[in-house]
Structure formats: C-alpha cells, structure tokens
Amino acid sequence: MQSRIIPSFAFTNAKEALAYYQRVFGATDVYRFSPQPEQAKQFHLPEGADLEAMTMHGGFTVLGMSFQCADSFRGPVKPSNQVDIILDIDGDDATSVAAAEAFYDKLAASGEVTIDMPFETQFWGGKMGHFTDKYGISWMLHVIPWSQIKDPTK
C-alpha cells in the first residue's frame, strides 16, 4: 500500500495564515482557492459573504513537506496541545541538514514563533528543537541520519 499523511490546519483566516507561513517559515508552493457561490450554502456562509476573502482549500510546502489548510467553517478554532507536527530531516543528506539549520535560524530570528526548546544536539545523537507558531500549532524540527534508524518491521 502506498499512502501518506498531509496535515490540514483550520484557521480563522487561512489567507492571512498562508502569508505568515510564507514569510516566517519560508513556505513555498503556496496556493489558495476561495469558495464559489454554489458552495456558500454548503459551508453555511451568510448571503453576501466576501467569498474572495475566504479560503476553502489552500496549502504550502515547508522543507519538502506538504501541508493543507482552510478557513474554519465548523466554528471557532480551538488550539490543541495533543499533536506536534514533526519535521523529520535525514541527517545523511548534507543539503537537507543545511536547509533545516537555515530554516531554524530564520524562525528564531523572526520573533514570530515561540522557541520552546532550542535546536540542539540531543542525547540520542540527533538534533531537535521545538517551537510554537502564532496560531498555537506546536512544531518539532528533528535531524538524525535515517541510516541509523532501525526498521521496526525487521
């Protein structure tokens, strides 16, 4: 079976969030679609709502990983401490390691994230840092040579 997980975030204003991730995280491949008039009823939007300002579906890429987002059409957004987004980088690849380090430096210098744990070498030999973005989403940046990770199926 081939499959993947793509985290999808709900925001009060996904259009603003996409600009934030582009500016602060250096997100690439940013896209956004507004709901069309025929979808307004499906999303329980008030008549005359500014559909162009709303985001039905959007997305971006950070360090080669895909994320999706939309406006929260199901009510107010509630931050959660149940999930961390882990950006796991192969430490065997020097280009990926350099990109991860530059990413962390950009975040730390931005003043627009809370650094909960600096990006440093850990006791298991990898490097890890933890930060929270302005939307309360908890992120971990982790670098370890993937060649050192044991396959649990073997």
N, C-alpha and C. Protein backbone atom coordinates (compact mmCIF):
# COMPACT_ATOMS: atom_id res chain seq x y z
N MET A 1 0.84 -1.18 0.00
CA MET A 1 0.00 0.00 0.00
C MET A 1 0.89 1.24 0.00
N GLN A 2 0.50 2.20 -0.78
CA GLN A 2 1.18 3.49 -0.76
C GLN A 2 0.22 4.50 -0.16
N SER A 3 0.70 5.24 0.80
CA SER A 3 -0.13 6.26 1.44
C SER A 3 0.75 7.33 2.04
N ARG A 4 0.12 8.39 2.51
CA ARG A 4 0.85 9.48 3.16
C ARG A 4 -0.12 10.25 4.04
N ILE A 5 0.44 10.99 4.95
CA ILE A 5 -0.35 11.88 5.80
C ILE A 5 -0.03 13.31 5.38
N ILE A 6 -1.07 14.10 5.20
CA ILE A 6 -0.88 15.52 4.93
C ILE A 6 -1.65 16.27 6.01
N PRO A 7 -0.94 16.90 6.94
CA PRO A 7 -1.64 17.68 7.97
C PRO A 7 -2.45 18.80 7.32
N SER A 8 -3.64 19.01 7.85
CA SER A 8 -4.51 20.07 7.36
C SER A 8 -4.95 20.92 8.54
N PHE A 9 -4.70 22.21 8.45
CA PHE A 9 -4.98 23.14 9.54
C PHE A 9 -6.24 23.95 9.24
N ALA A 10 -7.00 24.25 10.27
CA ALA A 10 -8.15 25.15 10.16
C ALA A 10 -7.78 26.47 10.83
N PHE A 11 -8.03 27.57 10.14
CA PHE A 11 -7.70 28.89 10.65
C PHE A 11 -8.93 29.80 10.60
N THR A 12 -8.92 30.81 11.43
CA THR A 12 -9.94 31.85 11.35
C THR A 12 -9.80 32.58 10.02
N ASN A 13 -8.53 32.79 9.58
CA ASN A 13 -8.25 33.47 8.32
C ASN A 13 -7.07 32.76 7.66
N ALA A 14 -7.36 31.76 6.85
CA ALA A 14 -6.31 30.97 6.21
C ALA A 14 -5.49 31.80 5.22
N LYS A 15 -6.10 32.79 4.60
CA LYS A 15 -5.37 33.66 3.67
C LYS A 15 -4.23 34.36 4.41
N GLU A 16 -4.52 34.86 5.60
CA GLU A 16 -3.50 35.50 6.44
C GLU A 16 -2.46 34.47 6.90
N ALA A 17 -2.91 33.28 7.27
CA ALA A 17 -2.01 32.23 7.73
C ALA A 17 -1.04 31.82 6.63
N LEU A 18 -1.51 31.71 5.41
CA LEU A 18 -0.63 31.35 4.30
C LEU A 18 0.47 32.39 4.12
N ALA A 19 0.12 33.66 4.24
CA ALA A 19 1.13 34.72 4.14
C ALA A 19 2.13 34.63 5.29
N TYR A 20 1.65 34.30 6.49
CA TYR A 20 2.52 34.12 7.65
C TYR A 20 3.52 32.99 7.41
N TYR A 21 3.05 31.83 6.97
CA TYR A 21 3.95 30.70 6.75
C TYR A 21 4.93 30.98 5.61
N GLN A 22 4.50 31.72 4.63
CA GLN A 22 5.41 32.08 3.54
C GLN A 22 6.50 33.02 4.05
N ARG A 23 6.12 34.00 4.85
CA ARG A 23 7.07 34.99 5.37
C ARG A 23 7.98 34.40 6.45
N VAL A 24 7.41 33.72 7.42
CA VAL A 24 8.17 33.29 8.60
C VAL A 24 8.84 31.93 8.39
N PHE A 25 8.15 30.98 7.78
CA PHE A 25 8.69 29.64 7.58
C PHE A 25 9.39 29.49 6.23
N GLY A 26 9.26 30.48 5.35
CA GLY A 26 9.82 30.35 4.01
C GLY A 26 9.04 29.35 3.18
N ALA A 27 7.75 29.19 3.45
CA ALA A 27 6.91 28.23 2.73
C ALA A 27 6.93 28.51 1.24
N THR A 28 6.91 27.43 0.47
CA THR A 28 6.88 27.52 -0.99
C THR A 28 5.62 26.82 -1.49
N ASP A 29 5.42 26.86 -2.79
CA ASP A 29 4.28 26.19 -3.42
C ASP A 29 2.96 26.56 -2.74
N VAL A 30 2.83 27.83 -2.38
CA VAL A 30 1.64 28.31 -1.68
C VAL A 30 0.49 28.46 -2.68
N TYR A 31 -0.67 27.94 -2.32
CA TYR A 31 -1.85 28.08 -3.18
C TYR A 31 -3.08 28.27 -2.31
N ARG A 32 -4.14 28.81 -2.93
CA ARG A 32 -5.36 29.09 -2.18
C ARG A 32 -6.54 29.17 -3.14
N PHE A 33 -7.65 28.53 -2.76
CA PHE A 33 -8.89 28.60 -3.54
C PHE A 33 -10.00 29.12 -2.64
N SER A 34 -10.75 30.07 -3.15
CA SER A 34 -11.91 30.60 -2.43
C SER A 34 -13.14 29.77 -2.77
N PRO A 35 -14.12 29.73 -1.87
CA PRO A 35 -15.36 29.03 -2.21
C PRO A 35 -16.08 29.77 -3.33
N GLN A 36 -16.76 29.02 -4.16
CA GLN A 36 -17.55 29.59 -5.24
C GLN A 36 -18.97 29.83 -4.73
N PRO A 37 -19.73 30.68 -5.40
CA PRO A 37 -21.09 30.98 -4.93
C PRO A 37 -21.94 29.72 -4.67
N GLU A 38 -21.80 28.70 -5.53
CA GLU A 38 -22.60 27.49 -5.33
C GLU A 38 -22.18 26.70 -4.09
N GLN A 39 -20.99 26.98 -3.53
CA GLN A 39 -20.54 26.29 -2.33
C GLN A 39 -20.87 27.05 -1.05
N ALA A 40 -21.28 28.29 -1.17
CA ALA A 40 -21.54 29.13 0.01
C ALA A 40 -22.59 28.49 0.91
N LYS A 41 -23.62 27.93 0.31
CA LYS A 41 -24.68 27.30 1.11
C LYS A 41 -24.14 26.06 1.82
N GLN A 42 -23.34 25.28 1.13
CA GLN A 42 -22.75 24.07 1.70
C GLN A 42 -21.94 24.39 2.96
N PHE A 43 -21.26 25.53 2.94
CA PHE A 43 -20.44 25.95 4.08
C PHE A 43 -21.21 26.82 5.07
N HIS A 44 -22.51 26.96 4.85
CA HIS A 44 -23.38 27.75 5.74
C HIS A 44 -22.90 29.20 5.86
N LEU A 45 -22.47 29.76 4.73
CA LEU A 45 -21.99 31.14 4.72
C LEU A 45 -23.17 32.09 4.56
N PRO A 46 -23.11 33.23 5.22
CA PRO A 46 -24.21 34.18 5.10
C PRO A 46 -24.30 34.74 3.68
N GLU A 47 -25.50 35.06 3.28
CA GLU A 47 -25.69 35.64 1.96
C GLU A 47 -24.90 36.94 1.88
N GLY A 48 -24.22 37.15 0.77
CA GLY A 48 -23.42 38.35 0.58
C GLY A 48 -22.04 38.27 1.20
N ALA A 49 -21.64 37.10 1.71
CA ALA A 49 -20.30 36.95 2.31
C ALA A 49 -19.24 37.21 1.25
N ASP A 50 -18.12 37.78 1.67
CA ASP A 50 -17.00 38.07 0.78
C ASP A 50 -16.23 36.77 0.52
N LEU A 51 -16.67 36.02 -0.47
CA LEU A 51 -16.09 34.71 -0.76
C LEU A 51 -14.62 34.81 -1.15
N GLU A 52 -14.25 35.87 -1.83
CA GLU A 52 -12.85 36.02 -2.27
C GLU A 52 -11.89 36.13 -1.08
N ALA A 53 -12.36 36.64 0.03
CA ALA A 53 -11.52 36.77 1.23
C ALA A 53 -11.41 35.45 1.99
N MET A 54 -12.27 34.49 1.65
CA MET A 54 -12.29 33.20 2.37
C MET A 54 -11.45 32.16 1.64
N THR A 55 -11.02 31.16 2.40
CA THR A 55 -10.23 30.07 1.83
C THR A 55 -10.96 28.75 2.05
N MET A 56 -11.34 28.12 0.94
CA MET A 56 -11.96 26.81 1.00
C MET A 56 -10.89 25.73 1.07
N HIS A 57 -9.78 25.95 0.36
CA HIS A 57 -8.69 24.99 0.31
C HIS A 57 -7.41 25.74 -0.03
N GLY A 58 -6.37 25.46 0.73
CA GLY A 58 -5.08 26.06 0.46
C GLY A 58 -3.98 25.11 0.90
N GLY A 59 -2.76 25.49 0.61
CA GLY A 59 -1.66 24.64 1.01
C GLY A 59 -0.32 25.31 0.81
N PHE A 60 0.70 24.63 1.31
CA PHE A 60 2.06 25.13 1.22
C PHE A 60 3.03 23.99 1.50
N THR A 61 4.30 24.24 1.21
CA THR A 61 5.36 23.26 1.44
C THR A 61 6.41 23.88 2.33
N VAL A 62 6.88 23.12 3.32
CA VAL A 62 7.98 23.53 4.20
C VAL A 62 8.98 22.39 4.23
N LEU A 63 10.22 22.68 3.88
CA LEU A 63 11.29 21.67 3.88
C LEU A 63 10.88 20.42 3.11
N GLY A 64 10.20 20.61 2.00
CA GLY A 64 9.79 19.50 1.15
C GLY A 64 8.55 18.75 1.61
N MET A 65 7.94 19.19 2.70
CA MET A 65 6.75 18.52 3.24
C MET A 65 5.50 19.35 2.99
N SER A 66 4.42 18.67 2.62
CA SER A 66 3.18 19.35 2.25
C SER A 66 2.23 19.52 3.43
N PHE A 67 1.55 20.67 3.43
CA PHE A 67 0.54 20.98 4.44
C PHE A 67 -0.64 21.60 3.71
N GLN A 68 -1.84 21.37 4.23
CA GLN A 68 -3.04 21.97 3.67
C GLN A 68 -3.74 22.79 4.74
N CYS A 69 -4.63 23.67 4.30
CA CYS A 69 -5.36 24.50 5.26
C CYS A 69 -6.64 25.02 4.63
N ALA A 70 -7.48 25.55 5.48
CA ALA A 70 -8.73 26.19 5.05
C ALA A 70 -9.21 27.07 6.18
N ASP A 71 -10.16 27.92 5.87
CA ASP A 71 -10.85 28.64 6.93
C ASP A 71 -11.68 27.63 7.72
N SER A 72 -11.87 27.90 8.98
CA SER A 72 -12.66 27.01 9.83
C SER A 72 -14.13 27.33 9.61
N PHE A 73 -14.78 26.51 8.82
CA PHE A 73 -16.20 26.69 8.55
C PHE A 73 -17.06 25.97 9.59
N ARG A 74 -16.41 25.25 10.53
CA ARG A 74 -17.15 24.48 11.54
C ARG A 74 -17.21 25.20 12.88
N GLY A 75 -16.92 26.47 12.89
CA GLY A 75 -16.96 27.22 14.15
C GLY A 75 -15.59 27.72 14.54
N PRO A 76 -15.49 28.31 15.73
CA PRO A 76 -14.23 28.90 16.18
C PRO A 76 -13.10 27.86 16.26
N VAL A 77 -11.90 28.32 15.93
CA VAL A 77 -10.71 27.48 16.01
C VAL A 77 -10.33 27.28 17.47
N LYS A 78 -9.98 26.05 17.81
CA LYS A 78 -9.57 25.74 19.18
C LYS A 78 -8.17 25.16 19.15
N PRO A 79 -7.15 25.90 19.63
CA PRO A 79 -5.79 25.34 19.67
C PRO A 79 -5.75 24.09 20.55
N SER A 80 -4.87 23.17 20.21
CA SER A 80 -4.77 21.91 20.93
C SER A 80 -3.32 21.62 21.28
N ASN A 81 -3.12 20.95 22.40
CA ASN A 81 -1.77 20.52 22.76
C ASN A 81 -1.62 19.01 22.57
N GLN A 82 -2.51 18.41 21.81
CA GLN A 82 -2.50 16.96 21.61
C GLN A 82 -1.57 16.50 20.49
N VAL A 83 -1.20 17.37 19.59
CA VAL A 83 -0.45 16.97 18.41
C VAL A 83 0.73 17.92 18.20
N ASP A 84 1.87 17.34 17.86
CA ASP A 84 3.02 18.11 17.40
C ASP A 84 3.26 17.75 15.94
N ILE A 85 3.59 18.73 15.13
CA ILE A 85 4.00 18.47 13.76
C ILE A 85 5.51 18.29 13.79
N ILE A 86 5.98 17.11 13.38
CA ILE A 86 7.42 16.84 13.39
C ILE A 86 7.95 16.95 11.97
N LEU A 87 8.89 17.85 11.80
CA LEU A 87 9.61 17.99 10.54
C LEU A 87 10.87 17.14 10.68
N ASP A 88 10.85 15.94 10.14
CA ASP A 88 11.92 14.96 10.32
C ASP A 88 12.84 14.99 9.11
N ILE A 89 14.09 15.33 9.34
CA ILE A 89 15.05 15.55 8.27
C ILE A 89 16.13 14.47 8.30
N ASP A 90 16.50 13.98 7.12
CA ASP A 90 17.54 12.95 7.02
C ASP A 90 18.92 13.57 7.21
N GLY A 91 19.55 13.24 8.34
CA GLY A 91 20.87 13.76 8.64
C GLY A 91 21.97 13.19 7.76
N ASP A 92 21.67 12.17 6.95
CA ASP A 92 22.65 11.63 6.00
C ASP A 92 22.81 12.55 4.79
N ASP A 93 21.87 13.46 4.60
CA ASP A 93 21.88 14.35 3.43
C ASP A 93 22.30 15.75 3.84
N ALA A 94 23.52 16.13 3.49
CA ALA A 94 24.09 17.42 3.91
C ALA A 94 23.23 18.60 3.44
N THR A 95 22.66 18.51 2.26
CA THR A 95 21.82 19.60 1.75
C THR A 95 20.57 19.76 2.62
N SER A 96 19.97 18.65 3.02
CA SER A 96 18.78 18.70 3.88
C SER A 96 19.12 19.24 5.26
N VAL A 97 20.28 18.85 5.79
CA VAL A 97 20.71 19.34 7.10
C VAL A 97 20.92 20.85 7.04
N ALA A 98 21.59 21.32 5.99
CA ALA A 98 21.82 22.77 5.84
C ALA A 98 20.49 23.52 5.72
N ALA A 99 19.54 22.95 4.99
CA ALA A 99 18.22 23.58 4.85
C ALA A 99 17.51 23.64 6.19
N ALA A 100 17.60 22.58 6.99
CA ALA A 100 16.96 22.55 8.31
C ALA A 100 17.58 23.59 9.24
N GLU A 101 18.89 23.70 9.21
CA GLU A 101 19.57 24.68 10.07
C GLU A 101 19.21 26.10 9.65
N ALA A 102 19.17 26.37 8.35
CA ALA A 102 18.79 27.70 7.85
C ALA A 102 17.33 28.00 8.21
N PHE A 103 16.48 26.99 8.13
CA PHE A 103 15.07 27.13 8.49
C PHE A 103 14.94 27.54 9.95
N TYR A 104 15.63 26.83 10.83
CA TYR A 104 15.55 27.14 12.26
C TYR A 104 16.09 28.55 12.53
N ASP A 105 17.22 28.90 11.93
CA ASP A 105 17.80 30.23 12.13
C ASP A 105 16.81 31.32 11.70
N LYS A 106 16.14 31.10 10.57
CA LYS A 106 15.15 32.07 10.07
C LYS A 106 13.99 32.21 11.07
N LEU A 107 13.50 31.07 11.56
CA LEU A 107 12.42 31.10 12.55
C LEU A 107 12.82 31.86 13.80
N ALA A 108 13.98 31.48 14.35
CA ALA A 108 14.44 32.07 15.61
C ALA A 108 14.63 33.57 15.47
N ALA A 109 15.14 34.01 14.32
CA ALA A 109 15.39 35.43 14.09
C ALA A 109 14.10 36.21 13.82
N SER A 110 13.04 35.53 13.43
CA SER A 110 11.81 36.21 13.04
C SER A 110 11.10 36.90 14.20
N GLY A 111 11.25 36.35 15.40
CA GLY A 111 10.49 36.87 16.53
C GLY A 111 9.00 36.56 16.43
N GLU A 112 8.61 35.71 15.47
CA GLU A 112 7.20 35.41 15.24
C GLU A 112 6.82 33.97 15.60
N VAL A 113 7.73 33.27 16.29
CA VAL A 113 7.43 31.95 16.86
C VAL A 113 7.97 31.96 18.28
N THR A 114 7.45 31.08 19.11
CA THR A 114 7.98 30.90 20.46
C THR A 114 8.88 29.68 20.43
N ILE A 115 10.15 29.89 20.77
CA ILE A 115 11.09 28.77 20.83
C ILE A 115 10.91 28.10 22.19
N ASP A 116 10.39 26.88 22.17
CA ASP A 116 10.15 26.14 23.40
C ASP A 116 11.37 25.32 23.81
N MET A 117 12.16 24.90 22.81
CA MET A 117 13.38 24.15 23.05
C MET A 117 14.32 24.47 21.89
N PRO A 118 15.52 24.98 22.18
CA PRO A 118 16.45 25.31 21.09
C PRO A 118 16.80 24.09 20.24
N PHE A 119 17.12 24.33 19.00
CA PHE A 119 17.53 23.28 18.07
C PHE A 119 18.97 22.91 18.38
N GLU A 120 19.13 21.81 19.12
CA GLU A 120 20.46 21.40 19.61
C GLU A 120 20.60 19.89 19.53
N THR A 121 21.86 19.44 19.62
CA THR A 121 22.14 18.01 19.66
C THR A 121 21.56 17.40 20.93
N GLN A 122 20.92 16.26 20.77
CA GLN A 122 20.26 15.57 21.89
C GLN A 122 21.05 14.32 22.29
N PHE A 123 20.70 13.73 23.42
CA PHE A 123 21.43 12.59 23.95
C PHE A 123 21.43 11.39 23.01
N TRP A 124 20.43 11.28 22.12
CA TRP A 124 20.37 10.15 21.20
C TRP A 124 21.19 10.38 19.94
N GLY A 125 21.81 11.56 19.84
CA GLY A 125 22.69 11.84 18.72
C GLY A 125 22.09 12.72 17.64
N GLY A 126 20.79 12.83 17.60
CA GLY A 126 20.15 13.71 16.63
C GLY A 126 20.07 15.13 17.16
N LYS A 127 19.60 16.02 16.32
CA LYS A 127 19.34 17.40 16.73
C LYS A 127 17.83 17.60 16.74
N MET A 128 17.35 18.31 17.73
CA MET A 128 15.92 18.57 17.79
C MET A 128 15.66 19.92 18.44
N GLY A 129 14.63 20.57 17.97
CA GLY A 129 14.13 21.80 18.57
C GLY A 129 12.62 21.79 18.52
N HIS A 130 12.02 22.60 19.38
CA HIS A 130 10.56 22.66 19.46
C HIS A 130 10.15 24.13 19.47
N PHE A 131 9.12 24.46 18.70
CA PHE A 131 8.64 25.83 18.66
C PHE A 131 7.13 25.84 18.42
N THR A 132 6.51 26.94 18.78
CA THR A 132 5.08 27.12 18.61
C THR A 132 4.85 28.35 17.74
N ASP A 133 4.02 28.19 16.72
CA ASP A 133 3.76 29.33 15.83
C ASP A 133 2.68 30.24 16.42
N LYS A 134 2.40 31.32 15.73
CA LYS A 134 1.46 32.32 16.27
C LYS A 134 0.03 31.81 16.35
N TYR A 135 -0.25 30.66 15.74
CA TYR A 135 -1.59 30.08 15.78
C TYR A 135 -1.72 29.01 16.86
N GLY A 136 -0.65 28.83 17.64
CA GLY A 136 -0.67 27.83 18.71
C GLY A 136 -0.34 26.43 18.24
N ILE A 137 0.12 26.30 16.99
CA ILE A 137 0.49 24.98 16.47
C ILE A 137 1.91 24.67 16.93
N SER A 138 2.07 23.48 17.46
CA SER A 138 3.32 23.02 18.04
C SER A 138 4.11 22.23 16.99
N TRP A 139 5.37 22.64 16.78
CA TRP A 139 6.22 22.04 15.76
C TRP A 139 7.51 21.52 16.40
N MET A 140 8.04 20.43 15.85
CA MET A 140 9.37 19.94 16.22
C MET A 140 10.20 19.84 14.94
N LEU A 141 11.44 20.27 15.03
CA LEU A 141 12.40 20.09 13.95
C LEU A 141 13.38 19.04 14.42
N HIS A 142 13.50 17.95 13.68
CA HIS A 142 14.32 16.82 14.10
C HIS A 142 15.23 16.41 12.95
N VAL A 143 16.53 16.29 13.24
CA VAL A 143 17.50 15.84 12.25
C VAL A 143 18.27 14.67 12.84
N ILE A 144 18.26 13.56 12.14
CA ILE A 144 19.06 12.39 12.52
C ILE A 144 19.35 11.61 11.24
N PRO A 145 20.53 11.00 11.13
CA PRO A 145 20.77 10.17 9.95
C PRO A 145 19.75 9.02 9.89
N TRP A 146 18.98 8.98 8.84
CA TRP A 146 17.96 7.94 8.72
C TRP A 146 18.60 6.55 8.65
N SER A 147 19.86 6.49 8.22
CA SER A 147 20.55 5.19 8.16
C SER A 147 20.74 4.59 9.55
N GLN A 148 20.63 5.41 10.60
CA GLN A 148 20.78 4.93 11.98
C GLN A 148 19.46 4.48 12.59
N ILE A 149 18.37 4.72 11.90
CA ILE A 149 17.06 4.36 12.45
C ILE A 149 16.75 2.92 12.07
N LYS A 150 16.44 2.13 13.07
CA LYS A 150 16.13 0.72 12.82
C LYS A 150 14.71 0.59 12.28
N ASP A 151 14.57 -0.28 11.31
CA ASP A 151 13.26 -0.58 10.73
C ASP A 151 12.51 -1.50 11.70
N PRO A 152 11.40 -1.06 12.28
CA PRO A 152 10.69 -1.88 13.26
C PRO A 152 10.06 -3.14 12.66
N THR A 153 10.01 -3.23 11.33
CA THR A 153 9.42 -4.41 10.70
C THR A 153 10.44 -5.53 10.51
N LYS A 154 11.70 -5.27 10.85
CA LYS A 154 12.76 -6.29 10.65
C LYS A 154 13.34 -6.73 11.97
